[in-house]
Amino acid sequence: MCCISEAKNTYVKDWYTKKYPADKLGKNLKDNINFYDLFDALDNYQDIYEFAGIDDSIIRERLFEKLSEIMGCDYDVVYDQWMLAKDITSSGPENN
C-alpha cells in the first residue's frame, strides 16, 4: 500500500546521505526534493538525472529502490515508468 505522507516527508538527499554516508556523490543530490516529488517527476516523464541533480546510475537505482519501498510496489514498476519516460522524451519531434 502506498504511503503518500512518508513520500512527502522523506527528503531524498537526507535519506541518501544517511543510508550511504561513504558515497560522496550523494552530496550532489538536490536538497529540496522528497520522494513524492521524485514520483511526480517520473509520472510527468522528467529527466530523473537532471531533476535529482545526479549523473550516477547507482544512485538512481538506490533512489528507485527506496521509492518502490515507500510506494509499496515492485522496483520494476518504478523502473518501467522511467524507461517509458526515456522512450517518450527520446522520440519527441526534436529527435526525429
N, C-alpha and C. Protein backbone atom coordinates (compact mmCIF):
# COMPACT_ATOMS: atom_id res chain seq x y z
N MET A 1 0.83 -1.18 0.00
CA MET A 1 0.00 0.00 0.00
C MET A 1 0.88 1.25 0.00
N CYS A 2 0.49 2.22 -0.73
CA CYS A 2 1.23 3.46 -0.90
C CYS A 2 1.13 4.34 0.36
N CYS A 3 2.22 4.94 0.72
CA CYS A 3 2.22 5.83 1.87
C CYS A 3 2.65 7.23 1.42
N ILE A 4 1.68 8.04 1.02
CA ILE A 4 1.94 9.37 0.49
C ILE A 4 2.64 10.24 1.53
N SER A 5 2.22 10.16 2.79
CA SER A 5 2.83 11.02 3.80
C SER A 5 4.31 10.69 3.98
N GLU A 6 4.67 9.41 3.93
CA GLU A 6 6.08 9.05 4.03
C GLU A 6 6.85 9.58 2.83
N ALA A 7 6.25 9.50 1.65
CA ALA A 7 6.91 10.00 0.44
C ALA A 7 7.12 11.51 0.52
N LYS A 8 6.16 12.23 1.07
CA LYS A 8 6.27 13.68 1.17
C LYS A 8 7.21 14.12 2.29
N ASN A 9 7.37 13.29 3.30
CA ASN A 9 8.19 13.65 4.45
C ASN A 9 9.60 13.08 4.42
N THR A 10 9.93 12.32 3.41
CA THR A 10 11.28 11.75 3.30
C THR A 10 12.02 12.47 2.19
N TYR A 11 12.97 13.29 2.58
CA TYR A 11 13.75 14.05 1.60
C TYR A 11 14.88 13.18 1.06
N VAL A 12 15.00 13.19 -0.25
CA VAL A 12 15.90 12.30 -0.96
C VAL A 12 17.34 12.43 -0.46
N LYS A 13 17.84 13.65 -0.44
CA LYS A 13 19.25 13.84 -0.05
C LYS A 13 19.48 13.44 1.41
N ASP A 14 18.59 13.82 2.30
CA ASP A 14 18.73 13.45 3.70
C ASP A 14 18.77 11.93 3.86
N TRP A 15 17.80 11.27 3.23
CA TRP A 15 17.75 9.81 3.32
C TRP A 15 19.01 9.19 2.74
N TYR A 16 19.39 9.64 1.55
CA TYR A 16 20.52 9.02 0.84
C TYR A 16 21.83 9.20 1.61
N THR A 17 22.10 10.39 2.08
CA THR A 17 23.38 10.63 2.75
C THR A 17 23.47 9.92 4.10
N LYS A 18 22.33 9.65 4.72
CA LYS A 18 22.34 8.85 5.96
C LYS A 18 22.51 7.37 5.66
N LYS A 19 21.84 6.91 4.61
CA LYS A 19 21.89 5.49 4.25
C LYS A 19 23.24 5.11 3.63
N TYR A 20 23.83 6.01 2.85
CA TYR A 20 25.09 5.74 2.14
C TYR A 20 26.11 6.85 2.44
N PRO A 21 26.56 6.95 3.69
CA PRO A 21 27.46 8.06 4.06
C PRO A 21 28.81 8.03 3.34
N ALA A 22 29.23 6.88 2.89
CA ALA A 22 30.53 6.79 2.20
C ALA A 22 30.45 7.22 0.74
N ASP A 23 29.24 7.34 0.20
CA ASP A 23 29.07 7.73 -1.21
C ASP A 23 29.11 9.25 -1.30
N LYS A 24 30.25 9.77 -1.67
CA LYS A 24 30.45 11.22 -1.73
C LYS A 24 29.61 11.90 -2.81
N LEU A 25 29.15 11.14 -3.80
CA LEU A 25 28.31 11.72 -4.85
C LEU A 25 26.92 12.10 -4.34
N GLY A 26 26.54 11.55 -3.20
CA GLY A 26 25.24 11.87 -2.62
C GLY A 26 25.09 13.35 -2.29
N LYS A 27 26.21 14.02 -2.07
CA LYS A 27 26.16 15.46 -1.77
C LYS A 27 25.65 16.27 -2.95
N ASN A 28 25.67 15.68 -4.15
CA ASN A 28 25.20 16.38 -5.34
C ASN A 28 23.67 16.34 -5.51
N LEU A 29 23.00 15.50 -4.74
CA LEU A 29 21.54 15.45 -4.81
C LEU A 29 20.96 16.81 -4.41
N LYS A 30 19.89 17.18 -5.05
CA LYS A 30 19.22 18.44 -4.71
C LYS A 30 18.64 18.35 -3.30
N ASP A 31 18.73 19.45 -2.59
CA ASP A 31 18.30 19.49 -1.19
C ASP A 31 16.80 19.44 -0.99
N ASN A 32 16.05 20.01 -1.89
CA ASN A 32 14.64 20.29 -1.63
C ASN A 32 13.65 19.31 -2.25
N ILE A 33 14.08 18.12 -2.64
CA ILE A 33 13.12 17.18 -3.23
C ILE A 33 12.88 16.00 -2.29
N ASN A 34 11.64 15.60 -2.24
CA ASN A 34 11.28 14.42 -1.45
C ASN A 34 10.89 13.30 -2.41
N PHE A 35 10.55 12.15 -1.85
CA PHE A 35 10.24 11.00 -2.71
C PHE A 35 8.91 11.18 -3.44
N TYR A 36 8.03 11.98 -2.91
CA TYR A 36 6.80 12.28 -3.65
C TYR A 36 7.14 13.09 -4.90
N ASP A 37 8.04 14.05 -4.75
CA ASP A 37 8.49 14.84 -5.91
C ASP A 37 9.14 13.94 -6.96
N LEU A 38 9.93 12.99 -6.49
CA LEU A 38 10.58 12.05 -7.41
C LEU A 38 9.53 11.23 -8.17
N PHE A 39 8.53 10.75 -7.44
CA PHE A 39 7.44 10.01 -8.07
C PHE A 39 6.73 10.88 -9.11
N ASP A 40 6.44 12.12 -8.74
CA ASP A 40 5.77 13.04 -9.64
C ASP A 40 6.61 13.32 -10.88
N ALA A 41 7.90 13.45 -10.70
CA ALA A 41 8.79 13.68 -11.85
C ALA A 41 8.75 12.49 -12.80
N LEU A 42 8.77 11.29 -12.26
CA LEU A 42 8.65 10.09 -13.11
C LEU A 42 7.32 10.07 -13.82
N ASP A 43 6.27 10.40 -13.08
CA ASP A 43 4.92 10.37 -13.64
C ASP A 43 4.74 11.41 -14.75
N ASN A 44 5.56 12.46 -14.71
CA ASN A 44 5.49 13.52 -15.73
C ASN A 44 6.64 13.44 -16.73
N TYR A 45 7.29 12.30 -16.78
CA TYR A 45 8.32 11.98 -17.79
C TYR A 45 9.50 12.95 -17.77
N GLN A 46 9.88 13.42 -16.59
CA GLN A 46 11.04 14.30 -16.48
C GLN A 46 12.33 13.49 -16.48
N ASP A 47 13.41 14.15 -16.82
CA ASP A 47 14.74 13.55 -16.76
C ASP A 47 15.13 13.44 -15.29
N ILE A 48 15.16 12.23 -14.79
CA ILE A 48 15.41 12.00 -13.37
C ILE A 48 16.81 12.44 -12.96
N TYR A 49 17.77 12.24 -13.83
CA TYR A 49 19.14 12.66 -13.50
C TYR A 49 19.18 14.18 -13.29
N GLU A 50 18.61 14.92 -14.18
CA GLU A 50 18.58 16.37 -14.05
C GLU A 50 17.71 16.80 -12.86
N PHE A 51 16.57 16.17 -12.73
CA PHE A 51 15.65 16.51 -11.66
C PHE A 51 16.29 16.35 -10.28
N ALA A 52 16.99 15.26 -10.08
CA ALA A 52 17.58 14.96 -8.77
C ALA A 52 18.97 15.56 -8.59
N GLY A 53 19.58 16.01 -9.68
CA GLY A 53 20.91 16.59 -9.59
C GLY A 53 22.02 15.55 -9.56
N ILE A 54 21.79 14.44 -10.24
CA ILE A 54 22.78 13.35 -10.23
C ILE A 54 23.18 12.99 -11.66
N ASP A 55 24.26 12.23 -11.75
CA ASP A 55 24.65 11.67 -13.04
C ASP A 55 25.19 10.25 -12.87
N ASP A 56 24.73 9.59 -11.82
CA ASP A 56 25.23 8.27 -11.47
C ASP A 56 24.08 7.26 -11.42
N SER A 57 24.22 6.18 -12.18
CA SER A 57 23.13 5.19 -12.25
C SER A 57 22.96 4.41 -10.95
N ILE A 58 24.02 4.26 -10.18
CA ILE A 58 23.89 3.55 -8.90
C ILE A 58 23.01 4.34 -7.94
N ILE A 59 23.21 5.65 -7.91
CA ILE A 59 22.35 6.49 -7.07
C ILE A 59 20.91 6.40 -7.55
N ARG A 60 20.70 6.49 -8.87
CA ARG A 60 19.33 6.37 -9.40
C ARG A 60 18.70 5.06 -8.98
N GLU A 61 19.42 3.97 -9.09
CA GLU A 61 18.88 2.67 -8.70
C GLU A 61 18.51 2.63 -7.23
N ARG A 62 19.36 3.19 -6.39
CA ARG A 62 19.07 3.22 -4.96
C ARG A 62 17.84 4.07 -4.66
N LEU A 63 17.70 5.19 -5.36
CA LEU A 63 16.51 6.03 -5.17
C LEU A 63 15.26 5.30 -5.63
N PHE A 64 15.35 4.60 -6.76
CA PHE A 64 14.20 3.83 -7.25
C PHE A 64 13.83 2.71 -6.28
N GLU A 65 14.83 2.07 -5.68
CA GLU A 65 14.55 1.02 -4.70
C GLU A 65 13.78 1.58 -3.51
N LYS A 66 14.24 2.71 -3.01
CA LYS A 66 13.55 3.33 -1.86
C LYS A 66 12.17 3.82 -2.27
N LEU A 67 12.05 4.42 -3.44
CA LEU A 67 10.74 4.88 -3.91
C LEU A 67 9.77 3.71 -4.02
N SER A 68 10.22 2.60 -4.56
CA SER A 68 9.33 1.44 -4.69
C SER A 68 8.93 0.91 -3.31
N GLU A 69 9.85 0.96 -2.36
CA GLU A 69 9.53 0.54 -1.00
C GLU A 69 8.46 1.46 -0.39
N ILE A 70 8.66 2.76 -0.52
CA ILE A 70 7.70 3.72 0.02
C ILE A 70 6.34 3.58 -0.65
N MET A 71 6.34 3.43 -1.97
CA MET A 71 5.09 3.38 -2.72
C MET A 71 4.42 2.00 -2.66
N GLY A 72 5.11 1.02 -2.12
CA GLY A 72 4.53 -0.31 -1.97
C GLY A 72 4.37 -1.05 -3.28
N CYS A 73 5.34 -0.88 -4.16
CA CYS A 73 5.28 -1.57 -5.46
C CYS A 73 6.64 -2.20 -5.76
N ASP A 74 6.67 -3.04 -6.76
CA ASP A 74 7.92 -3.65 -7.18
C ASP A 74 8.84 -2.60 -7.81
N TYR A 75 10.12 -2.82 -7.68
CA TYR A 75 11.12 -1.96 -8.30
C TYR A 75 10.85 -1.82 -9.80
N ASP A 76 10.44 -2.91 -10.43
CA ASP A 76 10.20 -2.90 -11.87
C ASP A 76 9.14 -1.89 -12.29
N VAL A 77 8.16 -1.62 -11.44
CA VAL A 77 7.13 -0.64 -11.75
C VAL A 77 7.76 0.75 -11.89
N VAL A 78 8.62 1.10 -10.95
CA VAL A 78 9.31 2.40 -10.98
C VAL A 78 10.27 2.44 -12.18
N TYR A 79 11.02 1.38 -12.35
CA TYR A 79 11.99 1.33 -13.45
C TYR A 79 11.29 1.43 -14.80
N ASP A 80 10.19 0.71 -14.96
CA ASP A 80 9.45 0.74 -16.23
C ASP A 80 8.89 2.13 -16.52
N GLN A 81 8.46 2.83 -15.49
CA GLN A 81 7.97 4.20 -15.67
C GLN A 81 9.11 5.09 -16.16
N TRP A 82 10.29 4.91 -15.61
CA TRP A 82 11.46 5.67 -16.04
C TRP A 82 11.81 5.36 -17.49
N MET A 83 11.76 4.08 -17.84
CA MET A 83 12.06 3.69 -19.22
C MET A 83 11.03 4.26 -20.19
N LEU A 84 9.77 4.28 -19.78
CA LEU A 84 8.72 4.87 -20.60
C LEU A 84 9.01 6.36 -20.83
N ALA A 85 9.41 7.04 -19.78
CA ALA A 85 9.76 8.46 -19.91
C ALA A 85 10.93 8.64 -20.86
N LYS A 86 11.93 7.78 -20.76
CA LYS A 86 13.08 7.88 -21.66
C LYS A 86 12.64 7.67 -23.10
N ASP A 87 11.74 6.70 -23.33
CA ASP A 87 11.24 6.43 -24.68
C ASP A 87 10.45 7.62 -25.22
N ILE A 88 9.60 8.19 -24.38
CA ILE A 88 8.77 9.31 -24.81
C ILE A 88 9.63 10.52 -25.13
N THR A 89 10.56 10.85 -24.26
CA THR A 89 11.38 12.06 -24.48
C THR A 89 12.37 11.88 -25.60
N SER A 90 12.82 10.65 -25.85
CA SER A 90 13.79 10.45 -26.94
C SER A 90 13.13 10.33 -28.30
N SER A 91 11.80 10.18 -28.32
CA SER A 91 11.12 10.06 -29.61
C SER A 91 10.30 11.30 -29.94
N GLY A 92 10.57 12.38 -29.23
CA GLY A 92 9.85 13.62 -29.48
C GLY A 92 10.22 14.21 -30.83
N PRO A 93 9.51 15.22 -31.29
CA PRO A 93 9.71 15.80 -32.62
C PRO A 93 11.13 16.33 -32.83
N GLU A 94 11.77 16.81 -31.77
CA GLU A 94 13.12 17.33 -31.93
C GLU A 94 14.14 16.23 -32.17
N ASN A 95 13.76 14.97 -31.93
CA ASN A 95 14.67 13.85 -32.11
C ASN A 95 14.38 13.04 -33.37
N ASN A 96 13.43 13.45 -34.16
CA ASN A 96 13.07 12.72 -35.38
C ASN A 96 13.69 13.37 -36.60
